[in-house]
Amino acid sequence: QVQLAESGGGLVQPGGSLRLSCVAAGSGFSMYFMGWYRQAPGKQRELVATIISADSTNYADSVKGRFTISRDNAKNTVYLQMNSLKPEDTAVYYCGAFRNWPPSAYWGQGTQVTVSS
């Protein structure tokens, strides 16, 4: 069992930056691959970025070059550094933890990111 808690969301102007954090409570954090997803009003949840290790990351095309995902296994934490934010990045951002065996998926409660002038 893993409990996830996101933080770091807020209101930011276009072009600004935010850093989201997701702390995991429970055992075996390093065995999970972690991801950030987002859901805008009226839209389906979409993948933003995933990470297995520092040299194994994946990004949605819409955020490549602007967002960076990282993890600190010693702190049971995954981060999402978001730069050059655009209004279309406005959404609730969710942290997810996934494992192939035993099949497991856990989600945080989400944190709101609003990009507006």
Protein backbone atom coordinates (compact mmCIF):
# COMPACT_ATOMS: atom_id res chain seq x y z
CA GLN A 1 0.00 0.00 0.00
CA VAL A 2 1.29 3.46 -0.97
CA GLN A 3 -0.20 6.80 -0.02
CA LEU A 4 0.72 9.77 -2.20
CA ALA A 5 0.51 13.46 -1.30
CA GLU A 6 1.12 16.20 -3.88
CA SER A 7 2.05 19.78 -3.11
CA GLY A 8 3.40 22.85 -4.86
CA GLY A 9 0.50 23.86 -7.05
CA GLY A 10 -0.81 27.41 -7.27
CA LEU A 11 -1.45 30.40 -9.47
CA VAL A 12 1.36 31.53 -11.75
CA GLN A 13 1.65 33.95 -14.65
CA PRO A 14 2.39 32.72 -18.18
CA GLY A 15 6.11 32.13 -18.55
CA GLY A 16 6.51 31.40 -14.87
CA SER A 17 7.67 28.28 -13.05
CA LEU A 18 6.37 25.90 -10.42
CA ARG A 19 7.81 22.82 -8.77
CA LEU A 20 5.43 20.06 -7.78
CA SER A 21 6.36 17.47 -5.18
CA CYS A 22 4.80 14.11 -4.42
CA VAL A 23 5.73 12.31 -1.22
CA ALA A 24 5.00 8.61 -0.90
CA ALA A 25 4.22 6.93 2.41
CA GLY A 26 4.67 3.19 2.54
CA SER A 27 7.32 0.71 1.61
CA GLY A 28 9.03 -0.09 -1.63
CA PHE A 29 9.00 3.34 -3.25
CA SER A 30 12.04 2.58 -5.40
CA MET A 31 10.24 -0.39 -6.97
CA TYR A 32 7.48 1.78 -8.40
CA PHE A 33 7.63 3.71 -11.58
CA MET A 34 6.18 7.14 -10.96
CA GLY A 35 4.23 9.50 -13.11
CA TRP A 36 2.62 12.90 -13.23
CA TYR A 37 -0.73 13.23 -14.97
CA ARG A 38 -3.09 16.15 -15.37
CA GLN A 39 -6.76 16.73 -15.95
CA ALA A 40 -8.20 19.98 -17.24
CA PRO A 41 -11.89 20.82 -16.87
CA GLY A 42 -13.98 18.86 -19.35
CA LYS A 43 -11.02 16.79 -20.51
CA GLN A 44 -9.68 13.33 -19.79
CA ARG A 45 -6.69 12.76 -17.57
CA GLU A 46 -3.51 12.77 -19.64
CA LEU A 47 0.06 11.72 -19.09
CA VAL A 48 2.56 14.50 -18.42
CA ALA A 49 5.75 12.61 -17.53
CA THR A 50 6.92 9.31 -16.10
CA ILE A 51 10.14 8.15 -14.49
CA ILE A 52 11.67 4.81 -13.66
CA SER A 53 15.15 6.11 -12.99
CA ALA A 54 17.17 9.23 -13.79
CA ASP A 55 18.05 7.87 -17.22
CA SER A 56 14.60 6.50 -17.96
CA THR A 57 12.04 9.26 -18.34
CA ASN A 58 9.18 9.94 -20.71
CA TYR A 59 7.34 13.17 -21.52
CA ALA A 60 4.23 14.23 -23.36
CA ASP A 61 5.12 16.17 -26.50
CA SER A 62 3.31 19.22 -25.15
CA VAL A 63 5.72 19.57 -22.21
CA LYS A 64 9.03 18.38 -23.68
CA GLY A 65 11.77 20.92 -23.09
CA ARG A 66 9.72 22.76 -20.46
CA PHE A 67 9.04 20.18 -17.73
CA THR A 68 11.50 17.93 -15.92
CA ILE A 69 10.57 14.91 -13.80
CA SER A 70 12.95 13.60 -11.16
CA ARG A 71 12.87 11.37 -8.12
CA ASP A 72 14.73 11.04 -4.84
CA ASN A 73 14.31 7.49 -3.57
CA ALA A 74 15.96 8.38 -0.24
CA LYS A 75 13.13 10.88 0.38
CA ASN A 76 10.35 8.81 -1.25
CA THR A 77 9.63 11.84 -3.40
CA VAL A 78 9.05 12.57 -7.07
CA TYR A 79 9.22 16.10 -8.47
CA LEU A 80 7.94 17.91 -11.51
CA GLN A 81 9.78 21.12 -12.39
CA MET A 82 7.59 23.15 -14.71
CA ASN A 83 9.10 26.08 -16.59
CA SER A 84 7.76 28.40 -19.28
CA LEU A 85 4.22 27.66 -18.17
CA LYS A 86 1.36 28.33 -20.56
CA PRO A 87 -2.35 28.86 -19.91
CA GLU A 88 -3.01 25.46 -21.49
CA ASP A 89 -1.01 23.86 -18.68
CA THR A 90 -3.82 24.77 -16.30
CA ALA A 91 -5.15 21.56 -14.75
CA VAL A 92 -5.25 19.43 -11.64
CA TYR A 93 -1.96 17.55 -11.50
CA TYR A 94 -1.94 14.04 -10.08
CA CYS A 95 0.93 11.88 -8.95
CA GLY A 96 0.73 8.15 -9.66
CA ALA A 97 2.73 5.12 -8.51
CA PHE A 98 2.67 1.97 -10.60
CA ARG A 99 4.06 -1.53 -10.36
CA ASN A 100 3.78 -4.45 -12.77
CA TRP A 101 3.92 -7.19 -10.15
CA PRO A 102 1.94 -7.43 -8.12
CA PRO A 103 -0.19 -5.20 -10.34
CA SER A 104 -0.62 -1.97 -8.43
CA ALA A 105 -1.66 1.61 -9.11
CA TYR A 106 -1.97 4.40 -6.57
CA TRP A 107 -2.98 8.03 -7.01
CA GLY A 108 -2.65 11.18 -4.98
CA GLN A 109 -5.46 13.64 -4.38
CA GLY A 110 -4.16 16.15 -6.92
CA THR A 111 -2.89 19.72 -6.79
CA GLN A 112 -4.32 22.61 -8.80
CA VAL A 113 -2.07 24.50 -11.21
CA THR A 114 -3.50 27.66 -12.75
CA VAL A 115 -1.57 29.64 -15.34
CA SER A 116 -3.15 33.03 -15.88
CA SER A 117 -2.29 36.70 -16.05
